[in-house]
Amino acid sequence: MSDDLTPKEGLCDIFVEFAGMEAHSNSPHGDFSFRFVQKRDGQPDRLVATLTFPVRDSHDGFPGMMGRAYDQLIQVMRQGLFHAGRMRTFYRSEASQRYPKYPHQR
């Protein structure tokens, strides 16, 4: 089975949004936050989770820091997808061994 990671309308009701930046006192560095919100038709957005990344200044201002914050978000999501794929394979294997399609085989 091949996973199609192309975004599709209606695929998921959880979206990632930029939540804000908090500057470190006496420092050019900051913490960038992203929120995961659930959006359903006719209902107010519901906050599901927030991720915050420390981002160092590299003398390229807010736009450069924002780019690095998104890079970190992508790396975290990529790592999560890798581990989720491994665990999904493990649990599918476990399920097929412990719960065969035909109950008389148990």
PDB file of N, CA and C in Angstrom:
ATOM      1  N   MET A   1       0.846  -1.176   0.000  1.00  0.00           N
ATOM      2  CA  MET A   1       0.000   0.000   0.000  1.00  0.00           C
ATOM      3  C   MET A   1       0.890   1.236   0.000  1.00  0.00           C
ATOM      4  N   SER A   2       0.629   2.138  -0.907  1.00  0.00           N
ATOM      5  CA  SER A   2       1.402   3.364  -1.009  1.00  0.00           C
ATOM      6  C   SER A   2       0.582   4.519  -0.447  1.00  0.00           C
ATOM      7  N   ASP A   3       1.199   5.351   0.375  1.00  0.00           N
ATOM      8  CA  ASP A   3       0.514   6.499   0.954  1.00  0.00           C
ATOM      9  C   ASP A   3       0.631   7.689   0.018  1.00  0.00           C
ATOM     10  N   ASP A   4      -0.477   8.343  -0.233  1.00  0.00           N
ATOM     11  CA  ASP A   4      -0.499   9.558  -1.034  1.00  0.00           C
ATOM     12  C   ASP A   4      -0.527  10.735  -0.068  1.00  0.00           C
ATOM     13  N   LEU A   5       0.547  11.509  -0.018  1.00  0.00           N
ATOM     14  CA  LEU A   5       0.645  12.626   0.918  1.00  0.00           C
ATOM     15  C   LEU A   5       0.197  13.952   0.305  1.00  0.00           C
ATOM     16  N   THR A   6      -0.388  13.900  -0.891  1.00  0.00           N
ATOM     17  CA  THR A   6      -0.882  15.107  -1.531  1.00  0.00           C
ATOM     18  C   THR A   6      -2.091  15.631  -0.756  1.00  0.00           C
ATOM     19  N   PRO A   7      -2.105  16.937  -0.425  1.00  0.00           N
ATOM     20  CA  PRO A   7      -3.260  17.472   0.306  1.00  0.00           C
ATOM     21  C   PRO A   7      -4.535  17.327  -0.526  1.00  0.00           C
ATOM     22  N   LYS A   8      -5.592  16.993   0.143  1.00  0.00           N
ATOM     23  CA  LYS A   8      -6.890  16.850  -0.518  1.00  0.00           C
ATOM     24  C   LYS A   8      -7.943  17.539   0.334  1.00  0.00           C
ATOM     25  N   GLU A   9      -8.895  18.124  -0.321  1.00  0.00           N
ATOM     26  CA  GLU A   9     -10.003  18.760   0.385  1.00  0.00           C
ATOM     27  C   GLU A   9     -10.769  17.698   1.164  1.00  0.00           C
ATOM     28  N   GLY A  10     -11.010  17.956   2.436  1.00  0.00           N
ATOM     29  CA  GLY A  10     -11.779  17.031   3.256  1.00  0.00           C
ATOM     30  C   GLY A  10     -10.997  15.845   3.790  1.00  0.00           C
ATOM     31  N   LEU A  11      -9.696  15.794   3.554  1.00  0.00           N
ATOM     32  CA  LEU A  11      -8.880  14.674   4.009  1.00  0.00           C
ATOM     33  C   LEU A  11      -8.783  14.644   5.531  1.00  0.00           C
ATOM     34  N   CYS A  12      -8.641  15.809   6.131  1.00  0.00           N
ATOM     35  CA  CYS A  12      -8.483  15.906   7.584  1.00  0.00           C
ATOM     36  C   CYS A  12      -9.067  17.240   8.038  1.00  0.00           C
ATOM     37  N   ASP A  13      -9.571  17.273   9.247  1.00  0.00           N
ATOM     38  CA  ASP A  13     -10.123  18.527   9.742  1.00  0.00           C
ATOM     39  C   ASP A  13      -9.195  19.212  10.742  1.00  0.00           C
ATOM     40  N   ILE A  14      -7.923  18.776  10.787  1.00  0.00           N
ATOM     41  CA  ILE A  14      -6.913  19.407  11.639  1.00  0.00           C
ATOM     42  C   ILE A  14      -5.971  20.220  10.740  1.00  0.00           C
ATOM     43  N   PHE A  15      -5.754  21.473  11.103  1.00  0.00           N
ATOM     44  CA  PHE A  15      -4.910  22.354  10.311  1.00  0.00           C
ATOM     45  C   PHE A  15      -3.828  22.961  11.193  1.00  0.00           C
ATOM     46  N   VAL A  16      -2.686  23.300  10.583  1.00  0.00           N
ATOM     47  CA  VAL A  16      -1.570  23.939  11.290  1.00  0.00           C
ATOM     48  C   VAL A  16      -1.599  25.430  10.957  1.00  0.00           C
ATOM     49  N   GLU A  17      -1.485  26.246  11.996  1.00  0.00           N
ATOM     50  CA  GLU A  17      -1.465  27.696  11.827  1.00  0.00           C
ATOM     51  C   GLU A  17      -0.333  28.295  12.646  1.00  0.00           C
ATOM     52  N   PHE A  18       0.233  29.378  12.167  1.00  0.00           N
ATOM     53  CA  PHE A  18       1.220  30.115  12.945  1.00  0.00           C
ATOM     54  C   PHE A  18       0.499  30.769  14.113  1.00  0.00           C
ATOM     55  N   ALA A  19       1.019  30.599  15.325  1.00  0.00           N
ATOM     56  CA  ALA A  19       0.354  31.131  16.520  1.00  0.00           C
ATOM     57  C   ALA A  19       1.020  32.394  17.053  1.00  0.00           C
ATOM     58  N   GLY A  20       2.329  32.511  16.880  1.00  0.00           N
ATOM     59  CA  GLY A  20       2.979  33.715  17.380  1.00  0.00           C
ATOM     60  C   GLY A  20       4.452  33.517  17.659  1.00  0.00           C
ATOM     61  N   MET A  21       5.098  34.618  17.998  1.00  0.00           N
ATOM     62  CA  MET A  21       6.520  34.610  18.303  1.00  0.00           C
ATOM     63  C   MET A  21       6.736  35.360  19.602  1.00  0.00           C
ATOM     64  N   GLU A  22       7.522  34.785  20.482  1.00  0.00           N
ATOM     65  CA  GLU A  22       7.858  35.431  21.745  1.00  0.00           C
ATOM     66  C   GLU A  22       9.362  35.655  21.769  1.00  0.00           C
ATOM     67  N   ALA A  23       9.759  36.904  21.840  1.00  0.00           N
ATOM     68  CA  ALA A  23      11.182  37.241  21.855  1.00  0.00           C
ATOM     69  C   ALA A  23      11.785  36.906  23.209  1.00  0.00           C
ATOM     70  N   HIS A  24      13.032  36.480  23.199  1.00  0.00           N
ATOM     71  CA  HIS A  24      13.770  36.258  24.443  1.00  0.00           C
ATOM     72  C   HIS A  24      14.275  37.608  24.932  1.00  0.00           C
ATOM     73  N   SER A  25      14.181  37.848  26.218  1.00  0.00           N
ATOM     74  CA  SER A  25      14.620  39.141  26.742  1.00  0.00           C
ATOM     75  C   SER A  25      16.131  39.287  26.579  1.00  0.00           C
ATOM     76  N   ASN A  26      16.541  40.480  26.177  1.00  0.00           N
ATOM     77  CA  ASN A  26      17.953  40.817  25.968  1.00  0.00           C
ATOM     78  C   ASN A  26      18.630  39.875  24.975  1.00  0.00           C
ATOM     79  N   SER A  27      17.888  39.415  23.956  1.00  0.00           N
ATOM     80  CA  SER A  27      18.430  38.471  22.982  1.00  0.00           C
ATOM     81  C   SER A  27      17.694  38.651  21.655  1.00  0.00           C
ATOM     82  N   PRO A  28      18.386  38.415  20.543  1.00  0.00           N
ATOM     83  CA  PRO A  28      17.696  38.498  19.248  1.00  0.00           C
ATOM     84  C   PRO A  28      16.924  37.209  18.910  1.00  0.00           C
ATOM     85  N   HIS A  29      17.047  36.191  19.751  1.00  0.00           N
ATOM     86  CA  HIS A  29      16.411  34.902  19.493  1.00  0.00           C
ATOM     87  C   HIS A  29      14.965  34.910  19.975  1.00  0.00           C
ATOM     88  N   GLY A  30      14.196  33.899  19.555  1.00  0.00           N
ATOM     89  CA  GLY A  30      12.803  33.854  19.976  1.00  0.00           C
ATOM     90  C   GLY A  30      12.218  32.460  19.894  1.00  0.00           C
ATOM     91  N   ASP A  31      11.021  32.324  20.412  1.00  0.00           N
ATOM     92  CA  ASP A  31      10.261  31.078  20.354  1.00  0.00           C
ATOM     93  C   ASP A  31       9.087  31.276  19.407  1.00  0.00           C
ATOM     94  N   PHE A  32       8.987  30.404  18.414  1.00  0.00           N
ATOM     95  CA  PHE A  32       7.905  30.468  17.437  1.00  0.00           C
ATOM     96  C   PHE A  32       6.925  29.345  17.734  1.00  0.00           C
ATOM     97  N   SER A  33       5.644  29.682  17.786  1.00  0.00           N
ATOM     98  CA  SER A  33       4.608  28.703  18.115  1.00  0.00           C
ATOM     99  C   SER A  33       3.673  28.469  16.933  1.00  0.00           C
ATOM    100  N   PHE A  34       3.282  27.229  16.795  1.00  0.00           N
ATOM    101  CA  PHE A  34       2.297  26.815  15.803  1.00  0.00           C
ATOM    102  C   PHE A  34       1.179  26.103  16.539  1.00  0.00           C
ATOM    103  N   ARG A  35      -0.043  26.326  16.099  1.00  0.00           N
ATOM    104  CA  ARG A  35      -1.164  25.653  16.736  1.00  0.00           C
ATOM    105  C   ARG A  35      -1.826  24.715  15.730  1.00  0.00           C
ATOM    106  N   PHE A  36      -2.305  23.613  16.253  1.00  0.00           N
ATOM    107  CA  PHE A  36      -3.080  22.658  15.475  1.00  0.00           C
ATOM    108  C   PHE A  36      -4.530  22.868  15.884  1.00  0.00           C
ATOM    109  N   VAL A  37      -5.364  23.224  14.922  1.00  0.00           N
ATOM    110  CA  VAL A  37      -6.764  23.484  15.208  1.00  0.00           C
ATOM    111  C   VAL A  37      -7.655  22.558  14.392  1.00  0.00           C
ATOM    112  N   GLN A  38      -8.764  22.200  15.002  1.00  0.00           N
ATOM    113  CA  GLN A  38      -9.755  21.379  14.323  1.00  0.00           C
ATOM    114  C   GLN A  38     -10.825  22.321  13.781  1.00  0.00           C
ATOM    115  N   LYS A  39     -11.060  22.235  12.470  1.00  0.00           N
ATOM    116  CA  LYS A  39     -12.049  23.090  11.816  1.00  0.00           C
ATOM    117  C   LYS A  39     -13.157  22.209  11.264  1.00  0.00           C
ATOM    118  N   ARG A  40     -14.342  22.418  11.769  1.00  0.00           N
ATOM    119  CA  ARG A  40     -15.513  21.685  11.283  1.00  0.00           C
ATOM    120  C   ARG A  40     -16.552  22.688  10.822  1.00  0.00           C
ATOM    121  N   ASP A  41     -17.298  22.315   9.820  1.00  0.00           N
ATOM    122  CA  ASP A  41     -18.313  23.209   9.252  1.00  0.00           C
ATOM    123  C   ASP A  41     -19.244  23.753  10.318  1.00  0.00           C
ATOM    124  N   GLY A  42     -19.337  25.070  10.364  1.00  0.00           N
ATOM    125  CA  GLY A  42     -20.276  25.715  11.255  1.00  0.00           C
ATOM    126  C   GLY A  42     -19.898  25.745  12.720  1.00  0.00           C
ATOM    127  N   GLN A  43     -18.747  25.184  13.080  1.00  0.00           N
ATOM    128  CA  GLN A  43     -18.332  25.179  14.479  1.00  0.00           C
ATOM    129  C   GLN A  43     -17.100  26.067  14.643  1.00  0.00           C
ATOM    130  N   PRO A  44     -16.935  26.655  15.813  1.00  0.00           N
ATOM    131  CA  PRO A  44     -15.715  27.446  16.046  1.00  0.00           C
ATOM    132  C   PRO A  44     -14.482  26.537  16.034  1.00  0.00           C
ATOM    133  N   ASP A  45     -13.350  27.103  15.615  1.00  0.00           N
ATOM    134  CA  ASP A  45     -12.100  26.329  15.619  1.00  0.00           C
ATOM    135  C   ASP A  45     -11.801  25.863  17.033  1.00  0.00           C
ATOM    136  N   ARG A  46     -11.330  24.614  17.141  1.00  0.00           N
ATOM    137  CA  ARG A  46     -10.989  24.054  18.448  1.00  0.00           C
ATOM    138  C   ARG A  46      -9.492  23.772  18.480  1.00  0.00           C
ATOM    139  N   LEU A  47      -8.801  24.353  19.454  1.00  0.00           N
ATOM    140  CA  LEU A  47      -7.370  24.138  19.608  1.00  0.00           C
ATOM    141  C   LEU A  47      -7.119  22.692  20.030  1.00  0.00           C
ATOM    142  N   VAL A  48      -6.252  21.993  19.279  1.00  0.00           N
ATOM    143  CA  VAL A  48      -5.927  20.600  19.580  1.00  0.00           C
ATOM    144  C   VAL A  48      -4.565  20.516  20.271  1.00  0.00           C
ATOM    145  N   ALA A  49      -3.579  21.262  19.756  1.00  0.00           N
ATOM    146  CA  ALA A  49      -2.231  21.211  20.324  1.00  0.00           C
ATOM    147  C   ALA A  49      -1.459  22.450  19.887  1.00  0.00           C
ATOM    148  N   THR A  50      -0.386  22.721  20.608  1.00  0.00           N
ATOM    149  CA  THR A  50       0.516  23.817  20.261  1.00  0.00           C
ATOM    150  C   THR A  50       1.951  23.291  20.316  1.00  0.00           C
ATOM    151  N   LEU A  51       2.737  23.636  19.308  1.00  0.00           N
ATOM    152  CA  LEU A  51       4.164  23.307  19.287  1.00  0.00           C
ATOM    153  C   LEU A  51       4.954  24.605  19.277  1.00  0.00           C
ATOM    154  N   THR A  52       5.978  24.666  20.091  1.00  0.00           N
ATOM    155  CA  THR A  52       6.819  25.856  20.151  1.00  0.00           C
ATOM    156  C   THR A  52       8.269  25.448  19.917  1.00  0.00           C
ATOM    157  N   PHE A  53       8.944  26.205  19.046  1.00  0.00           N
ATOM    158  CA  PHE A  53      10.338  25.922  18.700  1.00  0.00           C
ATOM    159  C   PHE A  53      11.213  27.125  19.028  1.00  0.00           C
ATOM    160  N   PRO A  54      12.347  26.903  19.692  1.00  0.00           N
ATOM    161  CA  PRO A  54      13.300  27.995  19.863  1.00  0.00           C
ATOM    162  C   PRO A  54      14.022  28.226  18.528  1.00  0.00           C
ATOM    163  N   VAL A  55      14.106  29.474  18.117  1.00  0.00           N
ATOM    164  CA  VAL A  55      14.745  29.808  16.840  1.00  0.00           C
ATOM    165  C   VAL A  55      15.797  30.871  17.100  1.00  0.00           C
ATOM    166  N   ARG A  56      16.994  30.613  16.611  1.00  0.00           N
ATOM    167  CA  ARG A  56      18.099  31.544  16.782  1.00  0.00           C
ATOM    168  C   ARG A  56      18.118  32.556  15.642  1.00  0.00           C
ATOM    169  N   ASP A  57      18.525  33.750  15.970  1.00  0.00           N
ATOM    170  CA  ASP A  57      18.668  34.800  14.968  1.00  0.00           C
ATOM    171  C   ASP A  57      19.940  34.546  14.169  1.00  0.00           C
ATOM    172  N   SER A  58      19.865  34.700  12.877  1.00  0.00           N
ATOM    173  CA  SER A  58      21.052  34.555  12.019  1.00  0.00           C
ATOM    174  C   SER A  58      21.253  35.813  11.191  1.00  0.00           C
ATOM    175  N   HIS A  59      20.912  36.948  11.770  1.00  0.00           N
ATOM    176  CA  HIS A  59      21.075  38.257  11.135  1.00  0.00           C
ATOM    177  C   HIS A  59      20.296  38.360   9.828  1.00  0.00           C
ATOM    178  N   ASP A  60      19.143  37.674   9.771  1.00  0.00           N
ATOM    179  CA  ASP A  60      18.283  37.789   8.590  1.00  0.00           C
ATOM    180  C   ASP A  60      16.872  38.185   8.993  1.00  0.00           C
ATOM    181  N   GLY A  61      16.734  38.700  10.209  1.00  0.00           N
ATOM    182  CA  GLY A  61      15.481  39.263  10.667  1.00  0.00           C
ATOM    183  C   GLY A  61      14.365  38.246  10.879  1.00  0.00           C
ATOM    184  N   PHE A  62      13.183  38.814  11.066  1.00  0.00           N
ATOM    185  CA  PHE A  62      12.004  37.992  11.328  1.00  0.00           C
ATOM    186  C   PHE A  62      11.709  37.023  10.171  1.00  0.00           C
ATOM    187  N   PRO A  63      11.804  37.458   8.891  1.00  0.00           N
ATOM    188  CA  PRO A  63      11.501  36.511   7.808  1.00  0.00           C
ATOM    189  C   PRO A  63      12.415  35.282   7.813  1.00  0.00           C
ATOM    190  N   GLY A  64      13.690  35.469   8.097  1.00  0.00           N
ATOM    191  CA  GLY A  64      14.621  34.335   8.159  1.00  0.00           C
ATOM    192  C   GLY A  64      14.308  33.423   9.331  1.00  0.00           C
ATOM    193  N   MET A  65      13.989  34.029  10.470  1.00  0.00           N
ATOM    194  CA  MET A  65      13.634  33.224  11.644  1.00  0.00           C
ATOM    195  C   MET A  65      12.343  32.448  11.397  1.00  0.00           C
ATOM    196  N   MET A  66      11.389  33.088  10.727  1.00  0.00           N
ATOM    197  CA  MET A  66      10.124  32.417  10.415  1.00  0.00           C
ATOM    198  C   MET A  66      10.378  31.227   9.493  1.00  0.00           C
ATOM    199  N   GLY A  67      11.246  31.391   8.516  1.00  0.00           N
ATOM    200  CA  GLY A  67      11.592  30.285   7.618  1.00  0.00           C
ATOM    201  C   GLY A  67      12.204  29.124   8.385  1.00  0.00           C
ATOM    202  N   ARG A  68      13.104  29.420   9.330  1.00  0.00           N
ATOM    203  CA  ARG A  68      13.733  28.357  10.135  1.00  0.00           C
ATOM    204  C   ARG A  68      12.721  27.696  11.069  1.00  0.00           C
ATOM    205  N   ALA A  69      11.757  28.481  11.563  1.00  0.00           N
ATOM    206  CA  ALA A  69      10.710  27.892  12.408  1.00  0.00           C
ATOM    207  C   ALA A  69       9.893  26.884  11.601  1.00  0.00           C
ATOM    208  N   TYR A  70       9.530  27.247  10.369  1.00  0.00           N
ATOM    209  CA  TYR A  70       8.802  26.307   9.513  1.00  0.00           C
ATOM    210  C   TYR A  70       9.667  25.100   9.164  1.00  0.00           C
ATOM    211  N   ASP A  71      10.969  25.316   8.960  1.00  0.00           N
ATOM    212  CA  ASP A  71      11.875  24.179   8.713  1.00  0.00           C
ATOM    213  C   ASP A  71      11.845  23.205   9.884  1.00  0.00           C
ATOM    214  N   GLN A  72      11.855  23.730  11.101  1.00  0.00           N
ATOM    215  CA  GLN A  72      11.804  22.861  12.287  1.00  0.00           C
ATOM    216  C   GLN A  72      10.478  22.116  12.362  1.00  0.00           C
ATOM    217  N   LEU A  73       9.398  22.807  12.045  1.00  0.00           N
ATOM    218  CA  LEU A  73       8.084  22.161  12.044  1.00  0.00           C
ATOM    219  C   LEU A  73       8.059  21.007  11.035  1.00  0.00           C
ATOM    220  N   ILE A  74       8.606  21.234   9.846  1.00  0.00           N
ATOM    221  CA  ILE A  74       8.652  20.197   8.819  1.00  0.00           C
ATOM    222  C   ILE A  74       9.479  19.007   9.300  1.00  0.00           C
ATOM    223  N   GLN A  75      10.626  19.270   9.936  1.00  0.00           N
ATOM    224  CA  GLN A  75      11.467  18.180  10.431  1.00  0.00           C
ATOM    225  C   GLN A  75      10.761  17.363  11.506  1.00  0.00           C
ATOM    226  N   VAL A  76      10.047  18.025  12.397  1.00  0.00           N
ATOM    227  CA  VAL A  76       9.301  17.318  13.449  1.00  0.00           C
ATOM    228  C   VAL A  76       8.208  16.465  12.825  1.00  0.00           C
ATOM    229  N   MET A  77       7.486  17.021  11.852  1.00  0.00           N
ATOM    230  CA  MET A  77       6.423  16.257  11.188  1.00  0.00           C
ATOM    231  C   MET A  77       7.007  15.078  10.412  1.00  0.00           C
ATOM    232  N   ARG A  78       8.133  15.295   9.751  1.00  0.00           N
ATOM    233  CA  ARG A  78       8.790  14.223   8.996  1.00  0.00           C
ATOM    234  C   ARG A  78       9.216  13.091   9.942  1.00  0.00           C
ATOM    235  N   GLN A  79       9.802  13.450  11.073  1.00  0.00           N
ATOM    236  CA  GLN A  79      10.207  12.449  12.069  1.00  0.00           C
ATOM    237  C   GLN A  79       8.979  11.714  12.600  1.00  0.00           C
ATOM    238  N   GLY A  80       7.902  12.446  12.867  1.00  0.00           N
ATOM    239  CA  GLY A  80       6.672  11.823  13.345  1.00  0.00           C
ATOM    240  C   GLY A  80       6.088  10.861  12.325  1.00  0.00           C
ATOM    241  N   LEU A  81       6.116  11.231  11.045  1.00  0.00           N
ATOM    242  CA  LEU A  81       5.612  10.344   9.994  1.00  0.00           C
ATOM    243  C   LEU A  81       6.448   9.070   9.902  1.00  0.00           C
ATOM    244  N   PHE A  82       7.764   9.204  10.037  1.00  0.00           N
ATOM    245  CA  PHE A  82       8.644   8.036   9.987  1.00  0.00           C
ATOM    246  C   PHE A  82       8.304   7.063  11.109  1.00  0.00           C
ATOM    247  N   HIS A  83       8.213   7.584  12.336  1.00  0.00           N
ATOM    248  CA  HIS A  83       7.914   6.712  13.476  1.00  0.00           C
ATOM    249  C   HIS A  83       6.490   6.162  13.418  1.00  0.00           C
ATOM    250  N   ALA A  84       5.558   6.975  12.960  1.00  0.00           N
ATOM    251  CA  ALA A  84       4.177   6.495  12.828  1.00  0.00           C
ATOM    252  C   ALA A  84       4.102   5.361  11.811  1.00  0.00           C
ATOM    253  N   GLY A  85       4.825   5.481  10.717  1.00  0.00           N
ATOM    254  CA  GLY A  85       4.839   4.422   9.706  1.00  0.00           C
ATOM    255  C   GLY A  85       5.415   3.125  10.258  1.00  0.00           C
ATOM    256  N   ARG A  86       6.486   3.233  11.022  1.00  0.00           N
ATOM    257  CA  ARG A  86       7.089   2.031  11.630  1.00  0.00           C
ATOM    258  C   ARG A  86       6.140   1.383  12.621  1.00  0.00           C
ATOM    259  N   MET A  87       5.510   2.191  13.460  1.00  0.00           N
ATOM    260  CA  MET A  87       4.602   1.635  14.459  1.00  0.00           C
ATOM    261  C   MET A  87       3.348   1.060  13.801  1.00  0.00           C
ATOM    262  N   ARG A  88       2.865   1.694  12.755  1.00  0.00           N
ATOM    263  CA  ARG A  88       1.697   1.181  12.042  1.00  0.00           C
ATOM    264  C   ARG A  88       2.004  -0.198  11.467  1.00  0.00           C
ATOM    265  N   THR A  89       3.190  -0.363  10.872  1.00  0.00           N
ATOM    266  CA  THR A  89       3.591  -1.665  10.336  1.00  0.00           C
ATOM    267  C   THR A  89       3.672  -2.699  11.448  1.00  0.00           C
ATOM    268  N   PHE A  90       4.261  -2.327  12.585  1.00  0.00           N
ATOM    269  CA  PHE A  90       4.389  -3.238  13.715  1.00  0.00           C
ATOM    270  C   PHE A  90       3.021  -3.689  14.205  1.00  0.00           C
ATOM    271  N   TYR A  91       2.119  -2.727  14.423  1.00  0.00           N
ATOM    272  CA  TYR A  91       0.815  -3.076  14.974  1.00  0.00           C
ATOM    273  C   TYR A  91      -0.045  -3.843  13.980  1.00  0.00           C
ATOM    274  N   ARG A  92       0.096  -3.577  12.701  1.00  0.00           N
ATOM    275  CA  ARG A  92      -0.647  -4.366  11.711  1.00  0.00           C
ATOM    276  C   ARG A  92      -0.149  -5.805  11.722  1.00  0.00           C
ATOM    277  N   SER A  93       1.154  -5.988  11.858  1.00  0.00           N
ATOM    278  CA  SER A  93       1.719  -7.326  11.941  1.00  0.00           C
ATOM    279  C   SER A  93       1.220  -8.036  13.198  1.00  0.00           C
ATOM    280  N   GLU A  94       1.249  -7.326  14.324  1.00  0.00           N
ATOM    281  CA  GLU A  94       0.751  -7.886  15.586  1.00  0.00           C
ATOM    282  C   GLU A  94      -0.722  -8.270  15.474  1.00  0.00           C
ATOM    283  N   ALA A  95      -1.511  -7.403  14.871  1.00  0.00           N
ATOM    284  CA  ALA A  95      -2.946  -7.673  14.742  1.00  0.00           C
ATOM    285  C   ALA A  95      -3.195  -8.902  13.881  1.00  0.00           C
ATOM    286  N   SER A  96      -2.436  -9.051  12.798  1.00  0.00           N
ATOM    287  CA  SER A  96      -2.658 -10.206  11.929  1.00  0.00           C
ATOM    288  C   SER A  96      -2.256 -11.509  12.613  1.00  0.00           C
ATOM    289  N   GLN A  97      -1.280 -11.446  13.519  1.00  0.00           N
ATOM    290  CA  GLN A  97      -0.867 -12.650  14.243  1.00  0.00           C
ATOM    291  C   GLN A  97      -1.851 -12.985  15.366  1.00  0.00           C
ATOM    292  N   ARG A  98      -2.298 -11.989  16.072  1.00  0.00           N
ATOM    293  CA  ARG A  98      -3.164 -12.228  17.233  1.00  0.00           C
ATOM    294  C   ARG A  98      -4.646 -12.327  16.878  1.00  0.00           C
ATOM    295  N   TYR A  99      -5.022 -11.686  15.797  1.00  0.00           N
ATOM    296  CA  TYR A  99      -6.441 -11.655  15.412  1.00  0.00           C
ATOM    297  C   TYR A  99      -6.569 -11.980  13.928  1.00  0.00           C
ATOM    298  N   PRO A 100      -6.395 -13.240  13.553  1.00  0.00           N
ATOM    299  CA  PRO A 100      -6.506 -13.596  12.137  1.00  0.00           C
ATOM    300  C   PRO A 100      -7.908 -13.304  11.612  1.00  0.00           C
ATOM    301  N   LYS A 101      -8.002 -13.230  10.295  1.00  0.00           N
ATOM    302  CA  LYS A 101      -9.288 -12.901   9.668  1.00  0.00           C
ATOM    303  C   LYS A 101     -10.371 -13.878  10.069  1.00  0.00           C
ATOM    304  N   TYR A 102     -10.004 -15.120  10.188  1.00  0.00           N
ATOM    305  CA  TYR A 102     -10.992 -16.157  10.488  1.00  0.00           C
ATOM    306  C   TYR A 102     -10.843 -16.600  11.934  1.00  0.00           C
ATOM    307  N   PRO A 103     -11.849 -16.364  12.792  1.00  0.00           N
ATOM    308  CA  PRO A 103     -11.767 -16.653  14.226  1.00  0.00           C
ATOM    309  C   PRO A 103     -11.399 -18.092  14.552  1.00  0.00           C
ATOM    310  N   HIS A 104     -11.736 -19.033  13.686  1.00  0.00           N
ATOM    311  CA  HIS A 104     -11.412 -20.432  14.006  1.00  0.00           C
ATOM    312  C   HIS A 104      -9.907 -20.687  13.951  1.00  0.00           C
ATOM    313  N   GLN A 105      -9.115 -19.755  13.418  1.00  0.00           N
ATOM    314  CA  GLN A 105      -7.672 -19.909  13.361  1.00  0.00           C
ATOM    315  C   GLN A 105      -6.983 -19.417  14.629  1.00  0.00           C
ATOM    316  N   ARG A 106      -7.722 -18.875  15.565  1.00  0.00           N
ATOM    317  CA  ARG A 106      -7.134 -18.333  16.803  1.00  0.00           C
ATOM    318  C   ARG A 106      -6.696 -19.419  17.730  1.00  0.00           C
TER     319      ARG A 106
END
